[in-house]
Amino acid sequence: MPKRAELRSGTDIDALARMSETLINGQGDLTPEQSLEFGRALSEIAERLERAADVLARLMHLTNPEISPQDVHLTPREMEIFGYLADGQTNGEIASRCWVSENTVKFHLKNIFRKLKIRDRGQAMMVAKGLRRSIGGPGTTGGSAG
């Protein structure tokens, strides 16, 4: 079975967040090791986003054949919000995590629903969870430990 490239754990995400915070707040420079780790984590995130877009296009074509995979173009922010939707988070929770208003979350969700021809939040959650399982993102089940 092919091995998927993914962030190794939630601690990688936490480390990435801490390094970003350090840079944003101007609290100093990253060490060469931190810079290497930061670059690796960003590359892995970019790979996962590319895989996610491909899998999403295939999922949407299966559930809604009149949609061409070339028609599916979600922005990085829409992909982020779609991921939080897979976790079952409310609009308010998503807004807090993304540092935006609830109205902005609603705007992005409406765009996602329109682009993917999704009828409601329940269908969106099913598609988002299917996408997450397909790309091996956080919260997936069925993986082996070691």
C-alpha atoms as a PDB file:
ATOM      1  CA  MET A   1       0.000   0.000   0.000  1.00  0.00           C
ATOM      2  CA  PRO A   2       1.511   3.400  -0.943  1.00  0.00           C
ATOM      3  CA  LYS A   3       2.613   5.570   1.929  1.00  0.00           C
ATOM      4  CA  ARG A   4       1.016   9.009   2.125  1.00  0.00           C
ATOM      5  CA  ALA A   5       3.020  12.161   2.769  1.00  0.00           C
ATOM      6  CA  GLU A   6       1.429  13.928   5.705  1.00  0.00           C
ATOM      7  CA  LEU A   7       2.263  15.939   8.758  1.00  0.00           C
ATOM      8  CA  ARG A   8       3.535  13.430  11.265  1.00  0.00           C
ATOM      9  CA  SER A   9       1.305  14.519  14.125  1.00  0.00           C
ATOM     10  CA  GLY A  10      -0.626  17.322  15.733  1.00  0.00           C
ATOM     11  CA  THR A  11       2.652  18.384  17.320  1.00  0.00           C
ATOM     12  CA  ASP A  12       4.032  19.206  13.845  1.00  0.00           C
ATOM     13  CA  ILE A  13       1.084  21.517  13.334  1.00  0.00           C
ATOM     14  CA  ASP A  14       1.645  23.022  16.791  1.00  0.00           C
ATOM     15  CA  ALA A  15       5.336  23.558  16.030  1.00  0.00           C
ATOM     16  CA  LEU A  16       4.445  25.189  12.711  1.00  0.00           C
ATOM     17  CA  ALA A  17       2.000  27.484  14.510  1.00  0.00           C
ATOM     18  CA  ARG A  18       4.617  28.425  17.137  1.00  0.00           C
ATOM     19  CA  MET A  19       7.254  29.184  14.488  1.00  0.00           C
ATOM     20  CA  SER A  20       4.750  31.273  12.520  1.00  0.00           C
ATOM     21  CA  GLU A  21       3.808  33.169  15.677  1.00  0.00           C
ATOM     22  CA  THR A  22       7.498  33.856  16.379  1.00  0.00           C
ATOM     23  CA  LEU A  23       8.003  35.283  12.894  1.00  0.00           C
ATOM     24  CA  ILE A  24       4.772  37.298  12.885  1.00  0.00           C
ATOM     25  CA  ASN A  25       5.492  38.888  16.263  1.00  0.00           C
ATOM     26  CA  GLY A  26       9.086  39.684  15.329  1.00  0.00           C
ATOM     27  CA  GLN A  27      10.341  37.797  18.386  1.00  0.00           C
ATOM     28  CA  GLY A  28      13.472  36.654  16.639  1.00  0.00           C
ATOM     29  CA  ASP A  29      14.765  34.564  13.803  1.00  0.00           C
ATOM     30  CA  LEU A  30      14.337  30.853  13.338  1.00  0.00           C
ATOM     31  CA  THR A  31      17.324  28.608  13.822  1.00  0.00           C
ATOM     32  CA  PRO A  32      18.565  26.775  10.714  1.00  0.00           C
ATOM     33  CA  GLU A  33      16.915  23.604  12.057  1.00  0.00           C
ATOM     34  CA  GLN A  34      13.610  25.419  12.607  1.00  0.00           C
ATOM     35  CA  SER A  35      13.802  26.949   9.128  1.00  0.00           C
ATOM     36  CA  LEU A  36      14.315  23.500   7.617  1.00  0.00           C
ATOM     37  CA  GLU A  37      11.419  22.065   9.631  1.00  0.00           C
ATOM     38  CA  PHE A  38       9.212  25.044   8.713  1.00  0.00           C
ATOM     39  CA  GLY A  39       9.946  24.602   5.006  1.00  0.00           C
ATOM     40  CA  ARG A  40       9.308  20.855   5.196  1.00  0.00           C
ATOM     41  CA  ALA A  41       5.979  21.371   6.954  1.00  0.00           C
ATOM     42  CA  LEU A  42       4.884  23.991   4.413  1.00  0.00           C
ATOM     43  CA  SER A  43       5.840  21.676   1.535  1.00  0.00           C
ATOM     44  CA  GLU A  44       3.847  18.844   3.076  1.00  0.00           C
ATOM     45  CA  ILE A  45       0.836  21.109   3.512  1.00  0.00           C
ATOM     46  CA  ALA A  46       1.076  22.190  -0.140  1.00  0.00           C
ATOM     47  CA  GLU A  47       1.248  18.538  -1.245  1.00  0.00           C
ATOM     48  CA  ARG A  48      -1.790  17.680   0.853  1.00  0.00           C
ATOM     49  CA  LEU A  49      -3.739  20.596  -0.603  1.00  0.00           C
ATOM     50  CA  GLU A  50      -2.926  19.469  -4.137  1.00  0.00           C
ATOM     51  CA  ARG A  51      -3.981  15.885  -3.333  1.00  0.00           C
ATOM     52  CA  ALA A  52      -7.096  17.189  -1.605  1.00  0.00           C
ATOM     53  CA  ALA A  53      -8.115  19.188  -4.669  1.00  0.00           C
ATOM     54  CA  ASP A  54      -7.641  16.131  -6.894  1.00  0.00           C
ATOM     55  CA  VAL A  55      -9.573  13.805  -4.587  1.00  0.00           C
ATOM     56  CA  LEU A  56     -12.319  16.380  -4.124  1.00  0.00           C
ATOM     57  CA  ALA A  57     -12.732  16.690  -7.877  1.00  0.00           C
ATOM     58  CA  ARG A  58     -13.031  12.894  -8.205  1.00  0.00           C
ATOM     59  CA  LEU A  59     -15.476  12.655  -5.275  1.00  0.00           C
ATOM     60  CA  MET A  60     -17.634  15.400  -6.703  1.00  0.00           C
ATOM     61  CA  HIS A  61     -17.686  13.734 -10.100  1.00  0.00           C
ATOM     62  CA  LEU A  62     -18.854  10.482  -8.472  1.00  0.00           C
ATOM     63  CA  THR A  63     -21.603  12.169  -6.458  1.00  0.00           C
ATOM     64  CA  ASN A  64     -22.583  14.667  -9.127  1.00  0.00           C
ATOM     65  CA  PRO A  65     -21.533  13.433 -12.614  1.00  0.00           C
ATOM     66  CA  GLU A  66     -22.542  16.631 -14.419  1.00  0.00           C
ATOM     67  CA  ILE A  67     -19.693  18.423 -12.615  1.00  0.00           C
ATOM     68  CA  SER A  68     -16.427  18.184 -14.473  1.00  0.00           C
ATOM     69  CA  PRO A  69     -13.355  17.801 -12.220  1.00  0.00           C
ATOM     70  CA  GLN A  70     -11.918  20.843 -14.005  1.00  0.00           C
ATOM     71  CA  ASP A  71     -14.855  22.867 -12.650  1.00  0.00           C
ATOM     72  CA  VAL A  72     -13.858  22.321  -9.020  1.00  0.00           C
ATOM     73  CA  HIS A  73     -11.648  25.171  -7.844  1.00  0.00           C
ATOM     74  CA  LEU A  74     -11.694  25.851  -4.103  1.00  0.00           C
ATOM     75  CA  THR A  75      -9.451  28.518  -2.653  1.00  0.00           C
ATOM     76  CA  PRO A  76      -7.039  27.602   0.165  1.00  0.00           C
ATOM     77  CA  ARG A  77      -9.373  29.346   2.642  1.00  0.00           C
ATOM     78  CA  GLU A  78     -12.354  27.392   1.319  1.00  0.00           C
ATOM     79  CA  MET A  79     -10.360  24.155   1.698  1.00  0.00           C
ATOM     80  CA  GLU A  80      -9.483  25.134   5.276  1.00  0.00           C
ATOM     81  CA  ILE A  81     -13.121  25.867   6.129  1.00  0.00           C
ATOM     82  CA  PHE A  82     -14.215  22.649   4.384  1.00  0.00           C
ATOM     83  CA  GLY A  83     -11.807  20.753   6.658  1.00  0.00           C
ATOM     84  CA  TYR A  84     -13.268  22.332   9.786  1.00  0.00           C
ATOM     85  CA  LEU A  85     -16.717  21.424   8.489  1.00  0.00           C
ATOM     86  CA  ALA A  86     -15.575  17.779   8.330  1.00  0.00           C
ATOM     87  CA  ASP A  87     -14.829  18.047  12.057  1.00  0.00           C
ATOM     88  CA  GLY A  88     -18.445  19.079  12.638  1.00  0.00           C
ATOM     89  CA  GLN A  89     -17.519  22.556  13.831  1.00  0.00           C
ATOM     90  CA  THR A  90     -20.155  25.275  13.941  1.00  0.00           C
ATOM     91  CA  ASN A  91     -19.844  28.491  11.947  1.00  0.00           C
ATOM     92  CA  GLY A  92     -18.868  30.282  15.162  1.00  0.00           C
ATOM     93  CA  GLU A  93     -16.124  27.759  15.953  1.00  0.00           C
ATOM     94  CA  ILE A  94     -14.787  27.951  12.400  1.00  0.00           C
ATOM     95  CA  ALA A  95     -14.806  31.761  12.580  1.00  0.00           C
ATOM     96  CA  SER A  96     -12.754  31.684  15.791  1.00  0.00           C
ATOM     97  CA  ARG A  97     -10.178  29.297  14.329  1.00  0.00           C
ATOM     98  CA  CYS A  98      -9.838  31.327  11.121  1.00  0.00           C
ATOM     99  CA  TRP A  99      -9.876  34.739  12.826  1.00  0.00           C
ATOM    100  CA  VAL A 100     -12.819  35.913  10.707  1.00  0.00           C
ATOM    101  CA  SER A 101     -16.476  36.778  11.361  1.00  0.00           C
ATOM    102  CA  GLU A 102     -19.295  34.250  11.204  1.00  0.00           C
ATOM    103  CA  ASN A 103     -20.626  36.107   8.166  1.00  0.00           C
ATOM    104  CA  THR A 104     -17.310  35.512   6.390  1.00  0.00           C
ATOM    105  CA  VAL A 105     -17.568  31.790   7.191  1.00  0.00           C
ATOM    106  CA  LYS A 106     -21.126  31.768   5.810  1.00  0.00           C
ATOM    107  CA  PHE A 107     -19.887  33.526   2.667  1.00  0.00           C
ATOM    108  CA  HIS A 108     -17.192  30.876   2.129  1.00  0.00           C
ATOM    109  CA  LEU A 109     -19.628  28.025   2.830  1.00  0.00           C
ATOM    110  CA  LYS A 110     -22.112  29.409   0.291  1.00  0.00           C
ATOM    111  CA  ASN A 111     -19.292  29.550  -2.273  1.00  0.00           C
ATOM    112  CA  ILE A 112     -18.262  25.962  -1.471  1.00  0.00           C
ATOM    113  CA  PHE A 113     -21.859  24.735  -1.752  1.00  0.00           C
ATOM    114  CA  ARG A 114     -22.312  26.560  -5.060  1.00  0.00           C
ATOM    115  CA  LYS A 115     -19.034  25.365  -6.562  1.00  0.00           C
ATOM    116  CA  LEU A 116     -19.597  21.750  -5.527  1.00  0.00           C
ATOM    117  CA  LYS A 117     -23.358  21.811  -6.131  1.00  0.00           C
ATOM    118  CA  ILE A 118     -23.970  20.751  -2.538  1.00  0.00           C
ATOM    119  CA  ARG A 119     -27.520  21.053  -1.222  1.00  0.00           C
ATOM    120  CA  ASP A 120     -26.971  21.385   2.513  1.00  0.00           C
ATOM    121  CA  ARG A 121     -24.519  21.260   5.407  1.00  0.00           C
ATOM    122  CA  GLY A 122     -25.086  17.536   5.968  1.00  0.00           C
ATOM    123  CA  GLN A 123     -24.094  16.666   2.408  1.00  0.00           C
ATOM    124  CA  ALA A 124     -21.124  19.023   2.670  1.00  0.00           C
ATOM    125  CA  MET A 125     -19.953  17.284   5.856  1.00  0.00           C
ATOM    126  CA  MET A 126     -20.182  13.856   4.186  1.00  0.00           C
ATOM    127  CA  VAL A 127     -18.145  15.026   1.194  1.00  0.00           C
ATOM    128  CA  ALA A 128     -15.599  16.765   3.453  1.00  0.00           C
ATOM    129  CA  LYS A 129     -15.190  13.640   5.611  1.00  0.00           C
ATOM    130  CA  GLY A 130     -14.803  11.478   2.501  1.00  0.00           C
ATOM    131  CA  LEU A 131     -12.150  13.849   1.236  1.00  0.00           C
ATOM    132  CA  ARG A 132     -10.296  13.723   4.548  1.00  0.00           C
ATOM    133  CA  ARG A 133     -10.314   9.908   4.598  1.00  0.00           C
ATOM    134  CA  SER A 134      -9.044   9.807   1.013  1.00  0.00           C
ATOM    135  CA  ILE A 135      -6.047  12.033   1.655  1.00  0.00           C
ATOM    136  CA  GLY A 136      -5.237  10.740   5.128  1.00  0.00           C
ATOM    137  CA  GLY A 137      -5.733  14.009   6.964  1.00  0.00           C
ATOM    138  CA  PRO A 138      -6.149  14.553  10.719  1.00  0.00           C
ATOM    139  CA  GLY A 139      -9.049  12.714  12.272  1.00  0.00           C
ATOM    140  CA  THR A 140      -8.940   9.821   9.811  1.00  0.00           C
ATOM    141  CA  THR A 141      -9.710   6.352  10.970  1.00  0.00           C
ATOM    142  CA  GLY A 142      -8.535   2.974   9.888  1.00  0.00           C
ATOM    143  CA  GLY A 143      -4.799   3.698   9.938  1.00  0.00           C
ATOM    144  CA  SER A 144      -2.355   1.313  11.533  1.00  0.00           C
ATOM    145  CA  ALA A 145      -0.070   2.240  14.360  1.00  0.00           C
ATOM    146  CA  GLY A 146       3.389   1.360  13.163  1.00  0.00           C
END
